[in-house]
Protein backbone atom coordinates (compact mmCIF):
# COMPACT_ATOMS: atom_id res chain seq x y z
CA MET A 1 -234.18 73.30 79.89
CA ALA A 2 -231.67 75.72 79.76
CA SER A 3 -230.82 75.61 83.72
CA LEU A 4 -231.12 71.72 84.19
CA LYS A 5 -227.84 71.86 81.52
CA ALA A 6 -226.03 74.43 83.33
CA TRP A 7 -226.23 72.71 86.38
CA THR A 8 -225.48 68.49 84.89
CA SER A 9 -222.29 69.98 83.78
CA LYS A 10 -219.60 68.32 84.40
CA GLY A 11 -217.94 71.16 85.72
CA VAL A 12 -220.46 73.03 87.38
CA LEU A 13 -220.77 69.26 89.46
CA LYS A 14 -217.21 68.80 90.27
CA ARG A 15 -216.60 72.44 92.19
CA CYS A 16 -219.99 71.81 93.98
CA LEU A 17 -218.43 68.03 95.03
CA LEU A 18 -215.04 69.92 95.83
CA GLU A 19 -216.92 71.90 98.28
CA VAL A 20 -218.66 70.21 99.88
CA VAL A 21 -216.29 67.02 100.32
CA ALA A 22 -213.83 70.02 101.51
CA LEU A 23 -215.55 71.86 103.56
CA ARG A 24 -216.56 67.91 105.49
CA HIS A 25 -212.75 66.67 106.07
CA PHE A 26 -210.61 70.42 106.63
CA LEU A 27 -213.59 72.07 108.75
CA PRO A 28 -213.34 70.02 111.96
CA ALA A 29 -209.52 70.03 111.64
CA SER A 30 -209.25 73.90 111.73
CA THR A 31 -211.30 74.67 114.27
CA LEU A 32 -208.98 72.53 116.42
CA HIS A 33 -206.12 74.02 115.92
CA THR A 34 -205.33 77.73 116.66
CA THR A 35 -202.98 78.35 114.34
CA CYS A 36 -202.56 78.76 110.75
CA THR A 37 -199.83 76.41 108.92
CA GLN A 38 -199.01 77.17 105.40
CA HIS A 39 -197.89 74.36 103.21
CA ASN A 40 -195.50 75.59 100.82
CA SER A 41 -191.64 75.59 99.94
CA ASN A 42 -190.68 78.27 102.88
CA LYS A 43 -191.48 76.03 105.14
CA THR A 44 -188.26 73.46 104.67
CA SER A 45 -184.62 74.62 106.46
CA ILE A 46 -182.01 76.01 104.56
CA ALA A 47 -178.66 74.54 106.07
CA ARG A 48 -178.84 70.91 106.73
CA CYS A 49 -180.16 68.99 109.48
CA THR A 50 -177.43 68.00 112.12
CA ARG A 51 -178.42 64.48 113.62
CA GLN A 52 -176.47 62.81 116.66
CA LYS A 53 -177.13 59.58 114.80
CA TYR A 54 -177.43 58.36 111.02
CA GLU A 55 -180.00 55.62 110.05
CA ARG A 56 -177.46 53.96 107.84
CA LEU A 57 -174.07 53.66 106.68
CA TYR A 58 -172.19 55.31 104.00
CA PRO A 59 -169.50 54.49 101.37
CA VAL A 60 -165.91 56.33 103.06
CA LEU A 61 -162.84 55.99 101.32
CA LEU A 62 -160.60 55.23 104.07
CA VAL A 63 -156.90 56.34 103.94
CA GLN A 64 -154.27 54.36 105.94
CA PRO A 65 -150.89 56.32 107.50
CA ASP A 66 -149.09 54.38 104.31
CA GLY A 67 -150.44 55.86 101.43
CA SER A 68 -153.32 52.57 101.15
CA THR A 69 -156.94 53.21 100.58
CA ILE A 70 -159.73 51.16 101.20
CA ASN A 71 -163.53 51.57 100.71
CA ILE A 72 -165.67 51.27 103.92
CA LYS A 73 -169.07 51.81 105.53
CA TYR A 74 -168.98 54.65 107.98
CA ARG A 75 -171.73 55.63 110.32
CA GLU A 76 -170.86 59.55 108.76
CA PRO A 77 -171.66 60.90 104.89
CA LYS A 78 -167.95 61.82 104.48
CA ARG A 79 -165.73 61.52 101.43
CA ILE A 80 -162.60 60.72 103.05
CA LEU A 81 -161.27 59.33 106.10
CA MET A 82 -157.64 59.66 107.04
CA MET A 83 -156.04 57.99 109.58
CA PRO A 84 -153.43 59.45 111.94
CA VAL A 85 -149.76 58.82 111.17
CA ASP A 86 -148.25 56.91 114.63
CA ILE A 87 -144.95 59.54 115.44
CA THR A 88 -143.44 56.94 117.14
CA SER A 89 -142.85 54.90 114.38
CA LEU A 90 -141.12 57.29 112.73
CA SER A 91 -137.44 58.18 112.22
CA GLU A 92 -136.07 61.68 114.49
CA GLU A 93 -135.94 63.35 111.45
CA GLU A 94 -139.38 62.65 110.72
CA ARG A 95 -140.75 63.72 113.63
CA LYS A 96 -139.40 66.81 114.12
CA ILE A 97 -140.39 67.93 110.13
CA ARG A 98 -144.18 66.39 111.61
CA ILE A 99 -143.77 68.68 115.13
CA ARG A 100 -142.51 71.66 113.34
CA LYS A 101 -145.59 71.49 110.34
CA ARG A 102 -147.97 71.45 113.31
CA ASP A 103 -146.50 74.66 115.10
CA PRO A 104 -148.12 77.57 114.10
CA LYS A 105 -145.98 80.33 111.15
CA LYS A 106 -144.18 83.21 112.33
CA GLY A 107 -144.35 85.90 109.97
CA SER A 108 -143.46 89.31 110.63
CA THR A 109 -145.19 90.77 113.42
CA THR A 110 -144.53 94.40 112.49
CA PRO A 111 -147.00 95.84 111.05
CA ARG A 112 -146.04 97.76 107.74
CA THR A 113 -147.11 101.44 107.39
CA VAL A 114 -148.17 102.87 103.95
CA GLU A 115 -147.46 106.50 103.55
CA PHE A 116 -149.22 108.19 100.55
CA GLU A 117 -147.70 111.60 99.41
CA ASP A 118 -150.18 114.06 98.91
CA ASP A 119 -149.93 116.36 95.97
CA PHE A 120 -153.38 117.66 96.07
CA LYS A 121 -153.71 121.74 95.27
CA ALA A 122 -157.43 123.29 95.56
CA ASP A 123 -155.67 126.16 93.53
CA ASP A 124 -155.79 124.06 90.63
CA TYR A 125 -159.50 123.05 90.45
CA SER A 126 -160.31 126.79 91.29
CA LYS A 127 -161.66 126.74 87.68
CA PHE A 128 -164.79 124.50 87.90
CA TRP A 129 -166.37 125.95 90.79
CA LYS A 130 -169.04 128.10 90.42
CA LYS A 131 -168.94 132.07 91.46
């Protein structure tokens, strides 16, 4: 009688049913594949996926050359999209300033040498040596 109660308890029946269901559903799939897959968090990629085409349009702030801004929908997820300034419409002074900003900065090309003075004397530390 005690063994009948043990077999009819919910936990034992549930475990047996889970084993039977698992054997029926997962055994044929495992015989088809030669490699074992692990379904855990290590399967995800760490870096973002680079896509050729995004599925939807994203809200982006478009900054025009005069400083005005417009909210638009853009095909790539960006925060701000800046329009380039037309150099031909600028005055001669502003054009020279912008072209000068584009050029690389000319810094000092001579490497500075750092000289260290060495005033170390081994005789000062001879008292710490073991004889």
